[in-house]
C-alpha atoms as a PDB file:
ATOM      1  CA  UNK A   1     -54.165  85.425 -16.755  1.00  0.00           C
ATOM      2  CA  UNK A   2     -53.341  82.132 -18.388  1.00  0.00           C
ATOM      3  CA  UNK A   3     -51.609  83.796 -21.305  1.00  0.00           C
ATOM      4  CA  UNK A   4     -49.508  85.872 -18.887  1.00  0.00           C
ATOM      5  CA  UNK A   5     -48.419  82.675 -17.117  1.00  0.00           C
ATOM      6  CA  UNK A   6     -47.585  81.051 -20.439  1.00  0.00           C
ATOM      7  CA  UNK A   7     -45.607  84.096 -21.524  1.00  0.00           C
ATOM      8  CA  UNK A   8     -43.769  84.157 -18.187  1.00  0.00           C
ATOM      9  CA  UNK A   9     -43.011  80.426 -18.467  1.00  0.00           C
ATOM     10  CA  UNK A  10     -41.768  80.903 -22.041  1.00  0.00           C
ATOM     11  CA  UNK A  11     -39.503  83.776 -20.966  1.00  0.00           C
ATOM     12  CA  UNK A  12     -38.123  81.756 -18.043  1.00  0.00           C
ATOM     13  CA  UNK A  13     -37.404  78.806 -20.361  1.00  0.00           C
ATOM     14  CA  UNK A  14     -35.622  81.128 -22.794  1.00  0.00           C
ATOM     15  CA  UNK A  15     -33.643  82.659 -19.930  1.00  0.00           C
ATOM     16  CA  UNK A  16     -32.394  79.172 -18.960  1.00  0.00           C
ATOM     17  CA  UNK A  17     -31.816  78.011 -22.536  1.00  0.00           C
ATOM     18  CA  UNK A  18     -29.660  80.892 -23.816  1.00  0.00           C
ATOM     19  CA  UNK A  19     -26.917  80.804 -21.131  1.00  0.00           C
ATOM     20  CA  UNK A  20     -26.454  77.048 -21.667  1.00  0.00           C
ATOM     21  CA  UNK A  21     -26.233  77.481 -25.437  1.00  0.00           C
ATOM     22  CA  UNK A  22     -23.791  80.376 -25.069  1.00  0.00           C
ATOM     23  CA  UNK A  23     -21.650  78.310 -22.666  1.00  0.00           C
ATOM     24  CA  UNK A  24     -21.594  75.389 -25.135  1.00  0.00           C
ATOM     25  CA  UNK A  25     -20.598  77.703 -27.989  1.00  0.00           C
ATOM     26  CA  UNK A  26     -17.728  79.123 -25.913  1.00  0.00           C
ATOM     27  CA  UNK A  27     -16.568  75.623 -24.921  1.00  0.00           C
ATOM     28  CA  UNK A  28     -16.690  74.495 -28.572  1.00  0.00           C
ATOM     29  CA  UNK A  29     -14.718  77.571 -29.701  1.00  0.00           C
ATOM     30  CA  UNK A  30     -12.058  76.942 -27.033  1.00  0.00           C
ATOM     31  CA  UNK A  31     -11.821  73.241 -27.996  1.00  0.00           C
ATOM     32  CA  UNK A  32     -11.447  74.080 -31.687  1.00  0.00           C
ATOM     33  CA  UNK A  33      -8.835  76.722 -30.894  1.00  0.00           C
ATOM     34  CA  UNK A  34      -6.855  74.291 -28.736  1.00  0.00           C
ATOM     35  CA  UNK A  35      -7.076  71.568 -31.401  1.00  0.00           C
ATOM     36  CA  UNK A  36      -5.775  74.021 -34.009  1.00  0.00           C
ATOM     37  CA  UNK A  37      -2.888  75.150 -31.788  1.00  0.00           C
ATOM     38  CA  UNK A  38      -1.957  71.569 -30.830  1.00  0.00           C
ATOM     39  CA  UNK A  39      -1.935  70.507 -34.490  1.00  0.00           C
ATOM     40  CA  UNK A  40       0.075  73.570 -35.497  1.00  0.00           C
ATOM     41  CA  UNK A  41       2.730  73.470 -32.745  1.00  0.00           C
ATOM     42  CA  UNK A  42       2.646  70.151 -30.830  1.00  0.00           C
ATOM     43  CA  UNK A  43       1.544  67.101 -32.834  1.00  0.00           C
ATOM     44  CA  UNK A  44      -0.543  66.035 -35.781  1.00  0.00           C
ATOM     45  CA  UNK A  45      -1.786  62.817 -37.363  1.00  0.00           C
ATOM     46  CA  UNK A  46      -0.321  61.632 -40.669  1.00  0.00           C
ATOM     47  CA  UNK A  47      -1.249  58.934 -43.189  1.00  0.00           C
ATOM     48  CA  UNK A  48       1.348  56.776 -45.008  1.00  0.00           C
ATOM     49  CA  UNK A  49       0.534  57.009 -48.748  1.00  0.00           C
ATOM     50  CA  UNK A  50       3.266  54.747 -50.171  1.00  0.00           C
ATOM     51  CA  UNK A  51       5.456  51.731 -49.427  1.00  0.00           C
ATOM     52  CA  UNK A  52       8.740  53.704 -49.344  1.00  0.00           C
ATOM     53  CA  UNK A  53       9.150  53.062 -45.590  1.00  0.00           C
ATOM     54  CA  UNK A  54       8.209  49.355 -45.673  1.00  0.00           C
ATOM     55  CA  UNK A  55       8.593  47.172 -43.713  1.00  0.00           C
ATOM     56  CA  UNK A  56       8.677  49.680 -40.805  1.00  0.00           C
ATOM     57  CA  UNK A  57       5.617  51.590 -42.025  1.00  0.00           C
ATOM     58  CA  UNK A  58       2.985  50.084 -44.271  1.00  0.00           C
ATOM     59  CA  UNK A  59       0.684  51.732 -46.796  1.00  0.00           C
ATOM     60  CA  UNK A  60      -2.289  53.105 -44.848  1.00  0.00           C
ATOM     61  CA  UNK A  61      -0.596  53.293 -41.438  1.00  0.00           C
ATOM     62  CA  UNK A  62      -1.567  56.341 -39.413  1.00  0.00           C
ATOM     63  CA  UNK A  63       0.978  58.054 -37.193  1.00  0.00           C
ATOM     64  CA  UNK A  64       1.364  60.792 -34.643  1.00  0.00           C
ATOM     65  CA  UNK A  65       4.048  63.274 -35.668  1.00  0.00           C
ATOM     66  CA  UNK A  66       5.369  65.337 -32.766  1.00  0.00           C
ATOM     67  CA  UNK A  67       6.741  68.811 -33.452  1.00  0.00           C
ATOM     68  CA  UNK A  68       8.417  69.783 -30.181  1.00  0.00           C
ATOM     69  CA  UNK A  69      11.577  67.694 -29.657  1.00  0.00           C
ATOM     70  CA  UNK A  70      13.646  69.376 -32.391  1.00  0.00           C
ATOM     71  CA  UNK A  71      13.205  72.709 -30.637  1.00  0.00           C
ATOM     72  CA  UNK A  72      15.351  71.280 -27.812  1.00  0.00           C
ATOM     73  CA  UNK A  73      17.686  68.858 -29.609  1.00  0.00           C
ATOM     74  CA  UNK A  74      18.987  68.352 -33.141  1.00  0.00           C
ATOM     75  CA  UNK A  75      17.647  65.576 -35.388  1.00  0.00           C
ATOM     76  CA  UNK A  76      19.576  62.336 -34.862  1.00  0.00           C
ATOM     77  CA  UNK A  77      20.491  59.257 -36.870  1.00  0.00           C
ATOM     78  CA  UNK A  78      17.647  56.797 -37.104  1.00  0.00           C
ATOM     79  CA  UNK A  79      14.823  59.275 -36.447  1.00  0.00           C
ATOM     80  CA  UNK A  80      11.859  58.894 -38.778  1.00  0.00           C
ATOM     81  CA  UNK A  81      10.848  62.364 -39.888  1.00  0.00           C
ATOM     82  CA  UNK A  82       8.064  64.002 -41.859  1.00  0.00           C
ATOM     83  CA  UNK A  83       9.146  66.954 -43.998  1.00  0.00           C
ATOM     84  CA  UNK A  84       8.129  69.343 -46.738  1.00  0.00           C
ATOM     85  CA  UNK A  85       9.836  68.461 -50.040  1.00  0.00           C
ATOM     86  CA  UNK A  86      13.050  70.361 -50.813  1.00  0.00           C
ATOM     87  CA  UNK A  87      13.181  72.658 -53.853  1.00  0.00           C
ATOM     88  CA  UNK A  88      14.619  69.866 -56.028  1.00  0.00           C
ATOM     89  CA  UNK A  89      11.414  67.873 -55.576  1.00  0.00           C
ATOM     90  CA  UNK A  90       9.233  70.946 -56.011  1.00  0.00           C
ATOM     91  CA  UNK A  91      10.883  71.516 -59.416  1.00  0.00           C
ATOM     92  CA  UNK A  92       9.887  67.930 -60.264  1.00  0.00           C
ATOM     93  CA  UNK A  93       6.232  68.760 -59.617  1.00  0.00           C
ATOM     94  CA  UNK A  94       5.726  67.861 -55.962  1.00  0.00           C
ATOM     95  CA  UNK A  95       3.660  70.401 -54.040  1.00  0.00           C
ATOM     96  CA  UNK A  96       5.350  72.492 -51.342  1.00  0.00           C
ATOM     97  CA  UNK A  97       2.991  71.008 -48.739  1.00  0.00           C
ATOM     98  CA  UNK A  98       3.131  67.424 -50.020  1.00  0.00           C
ATOM     99  CA  UNK A  99       4.835  65.848 -47.017  1.00  0.00           C
ATOM    100  CA  UNK A 100       7.399  63.042 -47.248  1.00  0.00           C
ATOM    101  CA  UNK A 101       8.462  60.563 -44.558  1.00  0.00           C
ATOM    102  CA  UNK A 102      11.974  59.071 -44.377  1.00  0.00           C
ATOM    103  CA  UNK A 103      14.629  57.916 -41.901  1.00  0.00           C
ATOM    104  CA  UNK A 104      17.655  60.095 -41.058  1.00  0.00           C
ATOM    105  CA  UNK A 105      20.818  58.323 -42.220  1.00  0.00           C
ATOM    106  CA  UNK A 106      23.325  61.179 -42.077  1.00  0.00           C
ATOM    107  CA  UNK A 107      23.610  64.529 -40.300  1.00  0.00           C
ATOM    108  CA  UNK A 108      25.740  67.615 -40.904  1.00  0.00           C
ATOM    109  CA  UNK A 109      29.386  66.747 -41.601  1.00  0.00           C
ATOM    110  CA  UNK A 110      28.963  62.991 -41.915  1.00  0.00           C
ATOM    111  CA  UNK A 111      30.162  61.235 -45.063  1.00  0.00           C
ATOM    112  CA  UNK A 112      27.590  58.920 -46.636  1.00  0.00           C
ATOM    113  CA  UNK A 113      28.423  56.171 -49.111  1.00  0.00           C
ATOM    114  CA  UNK A 114      26.299  53.407 -50.611  1.00  0.00           C
ATOM    115  CA  UNK A 115      28.505  50.661 -52.048  1.00  0.00           C
ATOM    116  CA  UNK A 116      28.110  46.907 -52.597  1.00  0.00           C
ATOM    117  CA  UNK A 117      24.586  46.827 -51.095  1.00  0.00           C
ATOM    118  CA  UNK A 118      25.775  48.523 -47.896  1.00  0.00           C
ATOM    119  CA  UNK A 119      25.219  52.025 -46.484  1.00  0.00           C
ATOM    120  CA  UNK A 120      28.278  53.551 -44.812  1.00  0.00           C
ATOM    121  CA  UNK A 121      28.324  56.523 -42.447  1.00  0.00           C
ATOM    122  CA  UNK A 122      31.840  57.927 -41.995  1.00  0.00           C
ATOM    123  CA  UNK A 123      33.256  54.713 -43.550  1.00  0.00           C
ATOM    124  CA  UNK A 124      31.457  52.554 -40.966  1.00  0.00           C
ATOM    125  CA  UNK A 125      28.803  50.098 -42.185  1.00  0.00           C
ATOM    126  CA  UNK A 126      25.342  50.986 -40.935  1.00  0.00           C
ATOM    127  CA  UNK A 127      23.506  48.119 -39.235  1.00  0.00           C
ATOM    128  CA  UNK A 128      19.982  48.201 -40.638  1.00  0.00           C
ATOM    129  CA  UNK A 129      17.630  45.435 -39.454  1.00  0.00           C
ATOM    130  CA  UNK A 130      14.675  47.641 -40.447  1.00  0.00           C
ATOM    131  CA  UNK A 131      15.185  47.716 -44.252  1.00  0.00           C
ATOM    132  CA  UNK A 132      13.157  45.727 -46.802  1.00  0.00           C
ATOM    133  CA  UNK A 133      16.289  44.773 -48.772  1.00  0.00           C
ATOM    134  CA  UNK A 134      19.826  46.094 -49.283  1.00  0.00           C
ATOM    135  CA  UNK A 135      20.244  48.942 -51.761  1.00  0.00           C
ATOM    136  CA  UNK A 136      21.045  47.851 -55.316  1.00  0.00           C
ATOM    137  CA  UNK A 137      22.752  51.117 -56.309  1.00  0.00           C
ATOM    138  CA  UNK A 138      25.967  53.031 -55.673  1.00  0.00           C
ATOM    139  CA  UNK A 139      26.060  56.536 -54.204  1.00  0.00           C
ATOM    140  CA  UNK A 140      28.746  58.824 -52.834  1.00  0.00           C
ATOM    141  CA  UNK A 141      30.865  59.313 -50.934  1.00  0.00           C
ATOM    142  CA  UNK A 142      29.342  62.709 -50.163  1.00  0.00           C
ATOM    143  CA  UNK A 143      29.617  64.865 -47.059  1.00  0.00           C
ATOM    144  CA  UNK A 144      26.326  66.139 -45.626  1.00  0.00           C
ATOM    145  CA  UNK A 145      26.376  69.969 -45.846  1.00  0.00           C
ATOM    146  CA  UNK A 146      25.777  72.250 -42.877  1.00  0.00           C
ATOM    147  CA  UNK A 147      22.135  72.444 -41.688  1.00  0.00           C
ATOM    148  CA  UNK A 148      21.143  69.532 -43.920  1.00  0.00           C
ATOM    149  CA  UNK A 149      20.399  65.815 -43.614  1.00  0.00           C
ATOM    150  CA  UNK A 150      20.690  62.685 -45.715  1.00  0.00           C
ATOM    151  CA  UNK A 151      17.433  60.701 -45.536  1.00  0.00           C
ATOM    152  CA  UNK A 152      16.377  57.351 -46.978  1.00  0.00           C
ATOM    153  CA  UNK A 153      13.268  55.200 -47.051  1.00  0.00           C
ATOM    154  CA  UNK A 154      13.482  51.781 -45.400  1.00  0.00           C
ATOM    155  CA  UNK A 155      12.356  50.249 -48.698  1.00  0.00           C
ATOM    156  CA  UNK A 156      15.723  51.263 -50.139  1.00  0.00           C
ATOM    157  CA  UNK A 157      15.160  50.262 -53.765  1.00  0.00           C
ATOM    158  CA  UNK A 158      11.660  51.764 -53.986  1.00  0.00           C
ATOM    159  CA  UNK A 159      12.084  55.107 -52.252  1.00  0.00           C
ATOM    160  CA  UNK A 160      12.328  58.618 -53.674  1.00  0.00           C
ATOM    161  CA  UNK A 161      14.915  59.847 -51.162  1.00  0.00           C
ATOM    162  CA  UNK A 162      18.252  61.658 -50.763  1.00  0.00           C
ATOM    163  CA  UNK A 163      20.111  59.210 -52.997  1.00  0.00           C
ATOM    164  CA  UNK A 164      17.937  60.557 -55.846  1.00  0.00           C
ATOM    165  CA  UNK A 165      17.296  64.227 -55.035  1.00  0.00           C
ATOM    166  CA  UNK A 166      20.078  65.181 -52.626  1.00  0.00           C
ATOM    167  CA  UNK A 167      20.218  66.582 -49.128  1.00  0.00           C
ATOM    168  CA  UNK A 168      17.295  67.771 -47.031  1.00  0.00           C
ATOM    169  CA  UNK A 169      17.442  71.208 -45.377  1.00  0.00           C
ATOM    170  CA  UNK A 170      16.738  70.814 -41.651  1.00  0.00           C
ATOM    171  CA  UNK A 171      14.283  73.727 -41.878  1.00  0.00           C
ATOM    172  CA  UNK A 172      11.970  71.520 -43.996  1.00  0.00           C
ATOM    173  CA  UNK A 173      11.271  69.158 -41.093  1.00  0.00           C
ATOM    174  CA  UNK A 174       7.644  69.161 -39.925  1.00  0.00           C
ATOM    175  CA  UNK A 175       8.223  66.720 -37.069  1.00  0.00           C
ATOM    176  CA  UNK A 176       9.291  63.290 -35.885  1.00  0.00           C
ATOM    177  CA  UNK A 177       7.067  60.226 -36.290  1.00  0.00           C
ATOM    178  CA  UNK A 178       6.635  58.757 -32.819  1.00  0.00           C
ATOM    179  CA  UNK A 179       3.553  56.562 -32.582  1.00  0.00           C
ATOM    180  CA  UNK A 180       1.469  54.402 -34.940  1.00  0.00           C
ATOM    181  CA  UNK A 181      -2.214  54.462 -33.931  1.00  0.00           C
ATOM    182  CA  UNK A 182      -3.678  52.578 -36.902  1.00  0.00           C
ATOM    183  CA  UNK A 183      -4.190  49.749 -37.739  1.00  0.00           C
ATOM    184  CA  UNK A 184      -5.026  48.365 -34.281  1.00  0.00           C
ATOM    185  CA  UNK A 185      -2.852  45.265 -34.669  1.00  0.00           C
ATOM    186  CA  UNK A 186       0.230  47.474 -35.282  1.00  0.00           C
ATOM    187  CA  UNK A 187      -0.319  50.137 -32.593  1.00  0.00           C
ATOM    188  CA  UNK A 188       2.901  51.177 -30.893  1.00  0.00           C
ATOM    189  CA  UNK A 189       5.861  53.522 -30.633  1.00  0.00           C
ATOM    190  CA  UNK A 190       8.289  53.758 -33.533  1.00  0.00           C
END
C-alpha cells in the first residue's frame, strides 16, 4: 500500500509540475517573439564604434534607434540616423549590414556647399553648435538628388560621410537615434 501511495504522490507531483513548465515555455516563447518583432520593426539598441559623431556621441555610447517615425514623416534636417552603407561604401569593403550613424544635413532638392570652414544649405550658413570643429575642406555646391540625403558626422574632419562617398539613399535608413542609455552620466534624449 505504501508503494501505491508513493506512486500516486509522484503522479500528482508530475501532474502539477508539467502544466507550470509548459506555461513558462509558452510565456518565454511569446517574450522572445515579441522581442524579435520589436527589434525588427520598432526599436533596437546600437553601439557607437567610432568618434565620427563626437562631441554629440562618444565612442562606446549606447543608443536606442527607433524605426517607426519615418513611416509617417520624411527624414528632416538635424536628425541623427543609423543606416546601411550605400553601394559606394560597399565597393570600398564595408559590409552591407555594417551600420553607420550620421546627422542629416541636406534633404532632396537642397543645395549643399562646404566653403571656408562653413556648411551652407541653399546658400544659407548652417548654425552648428554640435560640431567638434569646423570642416577644413571644400565641397560642392551639389544638389541633393531625389530620394537621397546628404549626411555628415559631427566630428567633421574625422568622419567618413557624404562629403567623401556621396549621397545616401533614403531606403538605406534603419532608424533615427533618439535616446542614449549608456553611460549613466550621459543618459538622455538626443
